[in-house]
Amino acid sequence: MKSKKKRLGKYTPAPWKTDEIHFVGTDEEDSQTIAYVSDHRNRKRRTETENKANAKLIATAPELLEAANDFVCRLEDSSLDDIEETLWRPDGDGWEELTRLKAAIQKALMY
């Protein structure tokens, strides 16, 4: 029995983008601001590397959420006996979800 995909709530749909430094917005011609990453943390200045990493993580949030949700749904559809067959082998039914989740995580970490 296939489980239904869980409702993920209402948020601005992907893709989101970052402007290299502080703004995260939609990837549209008339871009909409989603978040602004502050330069300061407890009165101390953040490094440019930290700002870029934070912005990238926020920008990949919808992709990470969707990939994680798909993976969890696949796990819920699998019995303990067939998890190895369905998820951990390239020819298994769940390989696509696992690959998407890994790619989303990697994308979030690249800045």
PDB file of N, CA and C in Angstrom:
ATOM      1  N   MET A   1       0.833  -1.184   0.000  1.00  0.00           N
ATOM      2  CA  MET A   1       0.000   0.000   0.000  1.00  0.00           C
ATOM      3  C   MET A   1       0.884   1.256   0.000  1.00  0.00           C
ATOM      4  N   LYS A   2       0.639   2.146  -0.918  1.00  0.00           N
ATOM      5  CA  LYS A   2       1.419   3.376  -1.009  1.00  0.00           C
ATOM      6  C   LYS A   2       0.863   4.425  -0.067  1.00  0.00           C
ATOM      7  N   SER A   3       1.759   5.059   0.714  1.00  0.00           N
ATOM      8  CA  SER A   3       1.282   6.126   1.583  1.00  0.00           C
ATOM      9  C   SER A   3       1.134   7.394   0.753  1.00  0.00           C
ATOM     10  N   LYS A   4       0.223   8.237   1.183  1.00  0.00           N
ATOM     11  CA  LYS A   4       0.025   9.496   0.482  1.00  0.00           C
ATOM     12  C   LYS A   4       1.150  10.437   0.880  1.00  0.00           C
ATOM     13  N   LYS A   5       1.562  11.285  -0.068  1.00  0.00           N
ATOM     14  CA  LYS A   5       2.556  12.288   0.276  1.00  0.00           C
ATOM     15  C   LYS A   5       1.954  13.210   1.322  1.00  0.00           C
ATOM     16  N   LYS A   6       2.766  13.542   2.294  1.00  0.00           N
ATOM     17  CA  LYS A   6       2.299  14.417   3.357  1.00  0.00           C
ATOM     18  C   LYS A   6       2.182  15.837   2.830  1.00  0.00           C
ATOM     19  N   ARG A   7       1.167  16.529   3.312  1.00  0.00           N
ATOM     20  CA  ARG A   7       1.031  17.928   2.948  1.00  0.00           C
ATOM     21  C   ARG A   7       2.175  18.695   3.592  1.00  0.00           C
ATOM     22  N   LEU A   8       2.804  19.511   2.817  1.00  0.00           N
ATOM     23  CA  LEU A   8       3.986  20.211   3.313  1.00  0.00           C
ATOM     24  C   LEU A   8       3.687  21.620   3.790  1.00  0.00           C
ATOM     25  N   GLY A   9       2.445  22.021   3.767  1.00  0.00           N
ATOM     26  CA  GLY A   9       2.103  23.356   4.224  1.00  0.00           C
ATOM     27  C   GLY A   9       2.163  24.360   3.092  1.00  0.00           C
ATOM     28  N   LYS A  10       1.832  25.578   3.424  1.00  0.00           N
ATOM     29  CA  LYS A  10       1.818  26.637   2.416  1.00  0.00           C
ATOM     30  C   LYS A  10       3.067  27.483   2.582  1.00  0.00           C
ATOM     31  N   TYR A  11       3.882  27.449   1.581  1.00  0.00           N
ATOM     32  CA  TYR A  11       5.065  28.300   1.534  1.00  0.00           C
ATOM     33  C   TYR A  11       5.280  28.685   0.083  1.00  0.00           C
ATOM     34  N   THR A  12       6.096  29.675  -0.156  1.00  0.00           N
ATOM     35  CA  THR A  12       6.375  30.104  -1.513  1.00  0.00           C
ATOM     36  C   THR A  12       7.066  28.963  -2.238  1.00  0.00           C
ATOM     37  N   PRO A  13       6.530  28.529  -3.364  1.00  0.00           N
ATOM     38  CA  PRO A  13       7.103  27.378  -4.055  1.00  0.00           C
ATOM     39  C   PRO A  13       8.523  27.631  -4.560  1.00  0.00           C
ATOM     40  N   ALA A  14       9.272  26.550  -4.694  1.00  0.00           N
ATOM     41  CA  ALA A  14      10.618  26.608  -5.263  1.00  0.00           C
ATOM     42  C   ALA A  14      10.501  26.936  -6.751  1.00  0.00           C
ATOM     43  N   PRO A  15      11.559  27.369  -7.401  1.00  0.00           N
ATOM     44  CA  PRO A  15      12.902  27.523  -6.838  1.00  0.00           C
ATOM     45  C   PRO A  15      13.099  28.874  -6.156  1.00  0.00           C
ATOM     46  N   TRP A  16      13.944  28.846  -5.133  1.00  0.00           N
ATOM     47  CA  TRP A  16      14.394  30.064  -4.490  1.00  0.00           C
ATOM     48  C   TRP A  16      15.835  30.286  -4.907  1.00  0.00           C
ATOM     49  N   LYS A  17      16.290  31.507  -4.841  1.00  0.00           N
ATOM     50  CA  LYS A  17      17.670  31.824  -5.217  1.00  0.00           C
ATOM     51  C   LYS A  17      18.265  32.776  -4.187  1.00  0.00           C
ATOM     52  N   THR A  18      19.567  32.883  -4.223  1.00  0.00           N
ATOM     53  CA  THR A  18      20.260  33.825  -3.346  1.00  0.00           C
ATOM     54  C   THR A  18      21.101  34.755  -4.208  1.00  0.00           C
ATOM     55  N   ASP A  19      21.337  35.950  -3.726  1.00  0.00           N
ATOM     56  CA  ASP A  19      22.069  36.954  -4.517  1.00  0.00           C
ATOM     57  C   ASP A  19      23.555  36.998  -4.172  1.00  0.00           C
ATOM     58  N   GLU A  20      24.111  35.903  -3.735  1.00  0.00           N
ATOM     59  CA  GLU A  20      25.533  35.821  -3.383  1.00  0.00           C
ATOM     60  C   GLU A  20      25.835  36.309  -1.972  1.00  0.00           C
ATOM     61  N   ILE A  21      24.984  37.117  -1.376  1.00  0.00           N
ATOM     62  CA  ILE A  21      25.330  37.621  -0.056  1.00  0.00           C
ATOM     63  C   ILE A  21      24.203  37.443   0.952  1.00  0.00           C
ATOM     64  N   HIS A  22      23.133  38.212   0.825  1.00  0.00           N
ATOM     65  CA  HIS A  22      22.181  38.295   1.933  1.00  0.00           C
ATOM     66  C   HIS A  22      20.724  37.989   1.604  1.00  0.00           C
ATOM     67  N   PHE A  23      20.294  38.219   0.398  1.00  0.00           N
ATOM     68  CA  PHE A  23      18.877  38.077   0.091  1.00  0.00           C
ATOM     69  C   PHE A  23      18.558  36.701  -0.468  1.00  0.00           C
ATOM     70  N   VAL A  24      17.435  36.177  -0.052  1.00  0.00           N
ATOM     71  CA  VAL A  24      16.899  34.952  -0.624  1.00  0.00           C
ATOM     72  C   VAL A  24      15.535  35.324  -1.187  1.00  0.00           C
ATOM     73  N   GLY A  25      15.318  34.963  -2.451  1.00  0.00           N
ATOM     74  CA  GLY A  25      14.051  35.309  -3.074  1.00  0.00           C
ATOM     75  C   GLY A  25      13.633  34.275  -4.088  1.00  0.00           C
ATOM     76  N   THR A  26      12.490  34.522  -4.698  1.00  0.00           N
ATOM     77  CA  THR A  26      11.985  33.602  -5.705  1.00  0.00           C
ATOM     78  C   THR A  26      12.761  33.777  -6.999  1.00  0.00           C
ATOM     79  N   ASP A  27      12.747  32.743  -7.802  1.00  0.00           N
ATOM     80  CA  ASP A  27      13.455  32.767  -9.078  1.00  0.00           C
ATOM     81  C   ASP A  27      12.481  33.180 -10.175  1.00  0.00           C
ATOM     82  N   GLU A  28      12.000  34.396 -10.059  1.00  0.00           N
ATOM     83  CA  GLU A  28      11.040  34.928 -11.014  1.00  0.00           C
ATOM     84  C   GLU A  28      11.566  36.244 -11.547  1.00  0.00           C
ATOM     85  N   GLU A  29      10.983  36.689 -12.658  1.00  0.00           N
ATOM     86  CA  GLU A  29      11.388  37.973 -13.216  1.00  0.00           C
ATOM     87  C   GLU A  29      11.139  39.092 -12.209  1.00  0.00           C
ATOM     88  N   ASP A  30       9.992  39.038 -11.544  1.00  0.00           N
ATOM     89  CA  ASP A  30       9.648  40.004 -10.514  1.00  0.00           C
ATOM     90  C   ASP A  30       9.895  39.332  -9.166  1.00  0.00           C
ATOM     91  N   SER A  31      11.156  39.168  -8.814  1.00  0.00           N
ATOM     92  CA  SER A  31      11.558  38.382  -7.646  1.00  0.00           C
ATOM     93  C   SER A  31      10.917  38.897  -6.364  1.00  0.00           C
ATOM     94  N   GLN A  32      10.555  37.958  -5.509  1.00  0.00           N
ATOM     95  CA  GLN A  32       9.917  38.236  -4.226  1.00  0.00           C
ATOM     96  C   GLN A  32      10.901  37.855  -3.117  1.00  0.00           C
ATOM     97  N   THR A  33      11.166  38.777  -2.186  1.00  0.00           N
ATOM     98  CA  THR A  33      12.093  38.489  -1.095  1.00  0.00           C
ATOM     99  C   THR A  33      11.473  37.498  -0.121  1.00  0.00           C
ATOM    100  N   ILE A  34      12.233  36.455   0.200  1.00  0.00           N
ATOM    101  CA  ILE A  34      11.820  35.439   1.159  1.00  0.00           C
ATOM    102  C   ILE A  34      12.477  35.711   2.514  1.00  0.00           C
ATOM    103  N   ALA A  35      13.767  36.023   2.483  1.00  0.00           N
ATOM    104  CA  ALA A  35      14.516  36.218   3.729  1.00  0.00           C
ATOM    105  C   ALA A  35      15.702  37.142   3.484  1.00  0.00           C
ATOM    106  N   TYR A  36      16.181  37.711   4.549  1.00  0.00           N
ATOM    107  CA  TYR A  36      17.384  38.528   4.526  1.00  0.00           C
ATOM    108  C   TYR A  36      18.308  37.993   5.616  1.00  0.00           C
ATOM    109  N   VAL A  37      19.548  37.704   5.251  1.00  0.00           N
ATOM    110  CA  VAL A  37      20.527  37.184   6.202  1.00  0.00           C
ATOM    111  C   VAL A  37      21.301  38.362   6.786  1.00  0.00           C
ATOM    112  N   SER A  38      21.214  38.517   8.081  1.00  0.00           N
ATOM    113  CA  SER A  38      21.857  39.629   8.770  1.00  0.00           C
ATOM    114  C   SER A  38      23.371  39.431   8.858  1.00  0.00           C
ATOM    115  N   ASP A  39      24.088  40.538   8.848  1.00  0.00           N
ATOM    116  CA  ASP A  39      25.545  40.523   9.009  1.00  0.00           C
ATOM    117  C   ASP A  39      25.972  40.296  10.453  1.00  0.00           C
ATOM    118  N   HIS A  40      25.053  40.463  11.374  1.00  0.00           N
ATOM    119  CA  HIS A  40      25.438  40.455  12.786  1.00  0.00           C
ATOM    120  C   HIS A  40      24.790  39.326  13.570  1.00  0.00           C
ATOM    121  N   ARG A  41      25.537  38.870  14.546  1.00  0.00           N
ATOM    122  CA  ARG A  41      25.062  37.856  15.482  1.00  0.00           C
ATOM    123  C   ARG A  41      25.547  38.286  16.860  1.00  0.00           C
ATOM    124  N   ASN A  42      24.602  38.623  17.734  1.00  0.00           N
ATOM    125  CA  ASN A  42      24.954  39.057  19.089  1.00  0.00           C
ATOM    126  C   ASN A  42      26.025  40.142  19.085  1.00  0.00           C
ATOM    127  N   ARG A  43      25.806  41.119  18.239  1.00  0.00           N
ATOM    128  CA  ARG A  43      26.684  42.293  18.116  1.00  0.00           C
ATOM    129  C   ARG A  43      28.042  41.989  17.503  1.00  0.00           C
ATOM    130  N   LYS A  44      28.251  40.776  17.066  1.00  0.00           N
ATOM    131  CA  LYS A  44      29.501  40.432  16.381  1.00  0.00           C
ATOM    132  C   LYS A  44      29.183  40.223  14.913  1.00  0.00           C
ATOM    133  N   ARG A  45      30.080  40.645  14.070  1.00  0.00           N
ATOM    134  CA  ARG A  45      29.882  40.527  12.632  1.00  0.00           C
ATOM    135  C   ARG A  45      30.121  39.089  12.173  1.00  0.00           C
ATOM    136  N   ARG A  46      29.221  38.591  11.326  1.00  0.00           N
ATOM    137  CA  ARG A  46      29.410  37.268  10.713  1.00  0.00           C
ATOM    138  C   ARG A  46      30.382  37.394   9.563  1.00  0.00           C
ATOM    139  N   THR A  47      31.061  36.313   9.262  1.00  0.00           N
ATOM    140  CA  THR A  47      31.955  36.310   8.106  1.00  0.00           C
ATOM    141  C   THR A  47      31.135  36.214   6.824  1.00  0.00           C
ATOM    142  N   GLU A  48      31.705  36.626   5.729  1.00  0.00           N
ATOM    143  CA  GLU A  48      31.041  36.542   4.430  1.00  0.00           C
ATOM    144  C   GLU A  48      30.735  35.088   4.079  1.00  0.00           C
ATOM    145  N   THR A  49      31.646  34.191   4.436  1.00  0.00           N
ATOM    146  CA  THR A  49      31.432  32.759   4.187  1.00  0.00           C
ATOM    147  C   THR A  49      30.208  32.257   4.932  1.00  0.00           C
ATOM    148  N   GLU A  50      30.070  32.660   6.198  1.00  0.00           N
ATOM    149  CA  GLU A  50      28.918  32.241   6.990  1.00  0.00           C
ATOM    150  C   GLU A  50      27.621  32.817   6.412  1.00  0.00           C
ATOM    151  N   ASN A  51      27.651  34.086   5.993  1.00  0.00           N
ATOM    152  CA  ASN A  51      26.459  34.696   5.391  1.00  0.00           C
ATOM    153  C   ASN A  51      26.032  33.954   4.126  1.00  0.00           C
ATOM    154  N   LYS A  52      26.988  33.636   3.269  1.00  0.00           N
ATOM    155  CA  LYS A  52      26.672  32.924   2.028  1.00  0.00           C
ATOM    156  C   LYS A  52      26.119  31.531   2.315  1.00  0.00           C
ATOM    157  N   ALA A  53      26.715  30.850   3.286  1.00  0.00           N
ATOM    158  CA  ALA A  53      26.245  29.508   3.645  1.00  0.00           C
ATOM    159  C   ALA A  53      24.825  29.560   4.201  1.00  0.00           C
ATOM    160  N   ASN A  54      24.534  30.541   5.044  1.00  0.00           N
ATOM    161  CA  ASN A  54      23.194  30.685   5.613  1.00  0.00           C
ATOM    162  C   ASN A  54      22.167  30.980   4.519  1.00  0.00           C
ATOM    163  N   ALA A  55      22.513  31.885   3.605  1.00  0.00           N
ATOM    164  CA  ALA A  55      21.599  32.229   2.513  1.00  0.00           C
ATOM    165  C   ALA A  55      21.343  31.020   1.616  1.00  0.00           C
ATOM    166  N   LYS A  56      22.395  30.261   1.322  1.00  0.00           N
ATOM    167  CA  LYS A  56      22.241  29.080   0.468  1.00  0.00           C
ATOM    168  C   LYS A  56      21.360  28.030   1.139  1.00  0.00           C
ATOM    169  N   LEU A  57      21.547  27.818   2.433  1.00  0.00           N
ATOM    170  CA  LEU A  57      20.730  26.855   3.166  1.00  0.00           C
ATOM    171  C   LEU A  57      19.254  27.259   3.133  1.00  0.00           C
ATOM    172  N   ILE A  58      18.977  28.533   3.346  1.00  0.00           N
ATOM    173  CA  ILE A  58      17.590  29.012   3.299  1.00  0.00           C
ATOM    174  C   ILE A  58      17.015  28.839   1.891  1.00  0.00           C
ATOM    175  N   ALA A  59      17.805  29.162   0.877  1.00  0.00           N
ATOM    176  CA  ALA A  59      17.328  29.080  -0.509  1.00  0.00           C
ATOM    177  C   ALA A  59      17.005  27.647  -0.935  1.00  0.00           C
ATOM    178  N   THR A  60      17.668  26.673  -0.348  1.00  0.00           N
ATOM    179  CA  THR A  60      17.415  25.276  -0.725  1.00  0.00           C
ATOM    180  C   THR A  60      16.367  24.611   0.164  1.00  0.00           C
ATOM    181  N   ALA A  61      15.793  25.344   1.106  1.00  0.00           N
ATOM    182  CA  ALA A  61      14.816  24.767   2.040  1.00  0.00           C
ATOM    183  C   ALA A  61      13.654  24.046   1.352  1.00  0.00           C
ATOM    184  N   PRO A  62      13.004  24.626   0.346  1.00  0.00           N
ATOM    185  CA  PRO A  62      11.879  23.910  -0.271  1.00  0.00           C
ATOM    186  C   PRO A  62      12.312  22.593  -0.925  1.00  0.00           C
ATOM    187  N   GLU A  63      13.449  22.610  -1.579  1.00  0.00           N
ATOM    188  CA  GLU A  63      13.968  21.408  -2.232  1.00  0.00           C
ATOM    189  C   GLU A  63      14.320  20.332  -1.202  1.00  0.00           C
ATOM    190  N   LEU A  64      14.952  20.741  -0.107  1.00  0.00           N
ATOM    191  CA  LEU A  64      15.287  19.803   0.967  1.00  0.00           C
ATOM    192  C   LEU A  64      14.026  19.208   1.584  1.00  0.00           C
ATOM    193  N   LEU A  65      13.037  20.055   1.848  1.00  0.00           N
ATOM    194  CA  LEU A  65      11.794  19.587   2.455  1.00  0.00           C
ATOM    195  C   LEU A  65      11.083  18.584   1.542  1.00  0.00           C
ATOM    196  N   GLU A  66      10.977  18.896   0.268  1.00  0.00           N
ATOM    197  CA  GLU A  66      10.289  18.000  -0.661  1.00  0.00           C
ATOM    198  C   GLU A  66      11.022  16.668  -0.803  1.00  0.00           C
ATOM    199  N   ALA A  67      12.354  16.721  -0.898  1.00  0.00           N
ATOM    200  CA  ALA A  67      13.134  15.487  -1.038  1.00  0.00           C
ATOM    201  C   ALA A  67      13.041  14.639   0.239  1.00  0.00           C
ATOM    202  N   ALA A  68      13.118  15.291   1.394  1.00  0.00           N
ATOM    203  CA  ALA A  68      13.008  14.551   2.662  1.00  0.00           C
ATOM    204  C   ALA A  68      11.620  13.937   2.806  1.00  0.00           C
ATOM    205  N   ASN A  69      10.599  14.676   2.434  1.00  0.00           N
ATOM    206  CA  ASN A  69       9.234  14.159   2.511  1.00  0.00           C
ATOM    207  C   ASN A  69       9.056  12.936   1.606  1.00  0.00           C
ATOM    208  N   ASP A  70       9.562  13.007   0.379  1.00  0.00           N
ATOM    209  CA  ASP A  70       9.463  11.869  -0.546  1.00  0.00           C
ATOM    210  C   ASP A  70      10.192  10.644   0.009  1.00  0.00           C
ATOM    211  N   PHE A  71      11.354  10.873   0.622  1.00  0.00           N
ATOM    212  CA  PHE A  71      12.132   9.776   1.178  1.00  0.00           C
ATOM    213  C   PHE A  71      11.399   9.137   2.357  1.00  0.00           C
ATOM    214  N   VAL A  72      10.842   9.959   3.236  1.00  0.00           N
ATOM    215  CA  VAL A  72      10.091   9.438   4.380  1.00  0.00           C
ATOM    216  C   VAL A  72       8.870   8.648   3.906  1.00  0.00           C
ATOM    217  N   CYS A  73       8.180   9.157   2.902  1.00  0.00           N
ATOM    218  CA  CYS A  73       7.023   8.426   2.355  1.00  0.00           C
ATOM    219  C   CYS A  73       7.462   7.076   1.810  1.00  0.00           C
ATOM    220  N   ARG A  74       8.608   7.032   1.156  1.00  0.00           N
ATOM    221  CA  ARG A  74       9.118   5.763   0.628  1.00  0.00           C
ATOM    222  C   ARG A  74       9.439   4.812   1.776  1.00  0.00           C
ATOM    223  N   LEU A  75      10.057   5.323   2.847  1.00  0.00           N
ATOM    224  CA  LEU A  75      10.345   4.480   4.010  1.00  0.00           C
ATOM    225  C   LEU A  75       9.063   3.927   4.617  1.00  0.00           C
ATOM    226  N   GLU A  76       8.052   4.759   4.711  1.00  0.00           N
ATOM    227  CA  GLU A  76       6.778   4.313   5.275  1.00  0.00           C
ATOM    228  C   GLU A  76       6.130   3.232   4.418  1.00  0.00           C
ATOM    229  N   ASP A  77       6.409   3.248   3.115  1.00  0.00           N
ATOM    230  CA  ASP A  77       5.850   2.246   2.201  1.00  0.00           C
ATOM    231  C   ASP A  77       6.623   0.932   2.234  1.00  0.00           C
ATOM    232  N   SER A  78       7.787   0.911   2.876  1.00  0.00           N
ATOM    233  CA  SER A  78       8.650  -0.263   2.865  1.00  0.00           C
ATOM    234  C   SER A  78       8.578  -1.016   4.183  1.00  0.00           C
ATOM    235  N   SER A  79       8.599  -2.322   4.101  1.00  0.00           N
ATOM    236  CA  SER A  79       8.696  -3.126   5.318  1.00  0.00           C
ATOM    237  C   SER A  79      10.168  -3.213   5.695  1.00  0.00           C
ATOM    238  N   LEU A  80      10.451  -3.591   6.911  1.00  0.00           N
ATOM    239  CA  LEU A  80      11.850  -3.739   7.334  1.00  0.00           C
ATOM    240  C   LEU A  80      12.584  -4.749   6.462  1.00  0.00           C
ATOM    241  N   ASP A  81      11.873  -5.765   6.023  1.00  0.00           N
ATOM    242  CA  ASP A  81      12.501  -6.803   5.208  1.00  0.00           C
ATOM    243  C   ASP A  81      12.926  -6.310   3.836  1.00  0.00           C
ATOM    244  N   ASP A  82      12.202  -5.334   3.284  1.00  0.00           N
ATOM    245  CA  ASP A  82      12.564  -4.933   1.925  1.00  0.00           C
ATOM    246  C   ASP A  82      13.227  -3.565   1.824  1.00  0.00           C
ATOM    247  N   ILE A  83      13.595  -2.966   2.952  1.00  0.00           N
ATOM    248  CA  ILE A  83      14.275  -1.666   2.890  1.00  0.00           C
ATOM    249  C   ILE A  83      15.580  -1.765   2.117  1.00  0.00           C
ATOM    250  N   GLU A  84      16.365  -2.780   2.374  1.00  0.00           N
ATOM    251  CA  GLU A  84      17.619  -2.929   1.642  1.00  0.00           C
ATOM    252  C   GLU A  84      17.364  -3.078   0.147  1.00  0.00           C
ATOM    253  N   GLU A  85      16.359  -3.841  -0.201  1.00  0.00           N
ATOM    254  CA  GLU A  85      16.027  -4.047  -1.613  1.00  0.00           C
ATOM    255  C   GLU A  85      15.542  -2.762  -2.282  1.00  0.00           C
ATOM    256  N   THR A  86      14.710  -1.992  -1.590  1.00  0.00           N
ATOM    257  CA  THR A  86      14.073  -0.849  -2.237  1.00  0.00           C
ATOM    258  C   THR A  86      14.861   0.446  -2.150  1.00  0.00           C
ATOM    259  N   LEU A  87      15.677   0.608  -1.112  1.00  0.00           N
ATOM    260  CA  LEU A  87      16.325   1.899  -0.911  1.00  0.00           C
ATOM    261  C   LEU A  87      17.816   1.935  -1.187  1.00  0.00           C
ATOM    262  N   TRP A  88      18.513   0.917  -0.846  1.00  0.00           N
ATOM    263  CA  TRP A  88      19.970   1.016  -0.846  1.00  0.00           C
ATOM    264  C   TRP A  88      20.625   0.457  -2.097  1.00  0.00           C
ATOM    265  N   ARG A  89      19.857  -0.030  -3.034  1.00  0.00           N
ATOM    266  CA  ARG A  89      20.417  -0.558  -4.270  1.00  0.00           C
ATOM    267  C   ARG A  89      20.018   0.345  -5.430  1.00  0.00           C
ATOM    268  N   PRO A  90      20.938   0.633  -6.339  1.00  0.00           N
ATOM    269  CA  PRO A  90      20.629   1.523  -7.469  1.00  0.00           C
ATOM    270  C   PRO A  90      19.443   1.068  -8.310  1.00  0.00           C
ATOM    271  N   ASP A  91      19.139  -0.194  -8.303  1.00  0.00           N
ATOM    272  CA  ASP A  91      17.988  -0.673  -9.078  1.00  0.00           C
ATOM    273  C   ASP A  91      16.727  -0.807  -8.217  1.00  0.00           C
ATOM    274  N   GLY A  92      16.787  -0.394  -6.955  1.00  0.00           N
ATOM    275  CA  GLY A  92      15.629  -0.478  -6.071  1.00  0.00           C
ATOM    276  C   GLY A  92      14.648   0.659  -6.319  1.00  0.00           C
ATOM    277  N   ASP A  93      13.415   0.452  -5.903  1.00  0.00           N
ATOM    278  CA  ASP A  93      12.356   1.432  -6.125  1.00  0.00           C
ATOM    279  C   ASP A  93      12.612   2.766  -5.418  1.00  0.00           C
ATOM    280  N   GLY A  94      13.272   2.755  -4.291  1.00  0.00           N
ATOM    281  CA  GLY A  94      13.482   3.982  -3.520  1.00  0.00           C
ATOM    282  C   GLY A  94      14.766   4.716  -3.829  1.00  0.00           C
ATOM    283  N   TRP A  95      15.548   4.203  -4.749  1.00  0.00           N
ATOM    284  CA  TRP A  95      16.852   4.810  -5.056  1.00  0.00           C
ATOM    285  C   TRP A  95      16.700   6.247  -5.538  1.00  0.00           C
ATOM    286  N   GLU A  96      15.667   6.513  -6.328  1.00  0.00           N
ATOM    287  CA  GLU A  96      15.462   7.861  -6.854  1.00  0.00           C
ATOM    288  C   GLU A  96      15.253   8.864  -5.723  1.00  0.00           C
ATOM    289  N   GLU A  97      14.432   8.512  -4.739  1.00  0.00           N
ATOM    290  CA  GLU A  97      14.185   9.414  -3.613  1.00  0.00           C
ATOM    291  C   GLU A  97      15.449   9.650  -2.799  1.00  0.00           C
ATOM    292  N   LEU A  98      16.212   8.582  -2.575  1.00  0.00           N
ATOM    293  CA  LEU A  98      17.466   8.706  -1.828  1.00  0.00           C
ATOM    294  C   LEU A  98      18.450   9.598  -2.586  1.00  0.00           C
ATOM    295  N   THR A  99      18.541   9.425  -3.883  1.00  0.00           N
ATOM    296  CA  THR A  99      19.447  10.227  -4.707  1.00  0.00           C
ATOM    297  C   THR A  99      19.039  11.698  -4.689  1.00  0.00           C
ATOM    298  N   ARG A 100      17.731  11.977  -4.778  1.00  0.00           N
ATOM    299  CA  ARG A 100      17.248  13.359  -4.731  1.00  0.00           C
ATOM    300  C   ARG A 100      17.554  14.001  -3.386  1.00  0.00           C
ATOM    301  N   LEU A 101      17.389  13.240  -2.315  1.00  0.00           N
ATOM    302  CA  LEU A 101      17.669  13.771  -0.983  1.00  0.00           C
ATOM    303  C   LEU A 101      19.158  14.096  -0.834  1.00  0.00           C
ATOM    304  N   LYS A 102      20.009  13.193  -1.272  1.00  0.00           N
ATOM    305  CA  LYS A 102      21.457  13.445  -1.209  1.00  0.00           C
ATOM    306  C   LYS A 102      21.844  14.674  -2.035  1.00  0.00           C
ATOM    307  N   ALA A 103      21.254  14.816  -3.227  1.00  0.00           N
ATOM    308  CA  ALA A 103      21.559  15.954  -4.096  1.00  0.00           C
ATOM    309  C   ALA A 103      21.099  17.270  -3.455  1.00  0.00           C
ATOM    310  N   ALA A 104      19.935  17.268  -2.811  1.00  0.00           N
ATOM    311  CA  ALA A 104      19.441  18.467  -2.161  1.00  0.00           C
ATOM    312  C   ALA A 104      20.346  18.865  -0.991  1.00  0.00           C
ATOM    313  N   ILE A 105      20.796  17.895  -0.233  1.00  0.00           N
ATOM    314  CA  ILE A 105      21.716  18.173   0.865  1.00  0.00           C
ATOM    315  C   ILE A 105      23.021  18.746   0.324  1.00  0.00           C
ATOM    316  N   GLN A 106      23.557  18.157  -0.715  1.00  0.00           N
ATOM    317  CA  GLN A 106      24.801  18.642  -1.318  1.00  0.00           C
ATOM    318  C   GLN A 106      24.638  20.069  -1.833  1.00  0.00           C
ATOM    319  N   LYS A 107      23.516  20.353  -2.478  1.00  0.00           N
ATOM    320  CA  LYS A 107      23.255  21.686  -2.997  1.00  0.00           C
ATOM    321  C   LYS A 107      23.215  22.715  -1.859  1.00  0.00           C
ATOM    322  N   ALA A 108      22.610  22.342  -0.735  1.00  0.00           N
ATOM    323  CA  ALA A 108      22.530  23.243   0.410  1.00  0.00           C
ATOM    324  C   ALA A 108      23.902  23.556   0.987  1.00  0.00           C
ATOM    325  N   LEU A 109      24.825  22.632   0.848  1.00  0.00           N
ATOM    326  CA  LEU A 109      26.159  22.812   1.430  1.00  0.00           C
ATOM    327  C   LEU A 109      27.134  23.518   0.508  1.00  0.00           C
ATOM    328  N   MET A 110      26.780  23.694  -0.759  1.00  0.00           N
ATOM    329  CA  MET A 110      27.666  24.349  -1.716  1.00  0.00           C
ATOM    330  C   MET A 110      27.370  25.851  -1.751  1.00  0.00           C
ATOM    331  N   TYR A 111      28.393  26.643  -1.560  1.00  0.00           N
ATOM    332  CA  TYR A 111      28.221  28.097  -1.609  1.00  0.00           C
ATOM    333  C   TYR A 111      29.462  28.742  -2.159  1.00  0.00           C
TER     334      TYR A 111
END
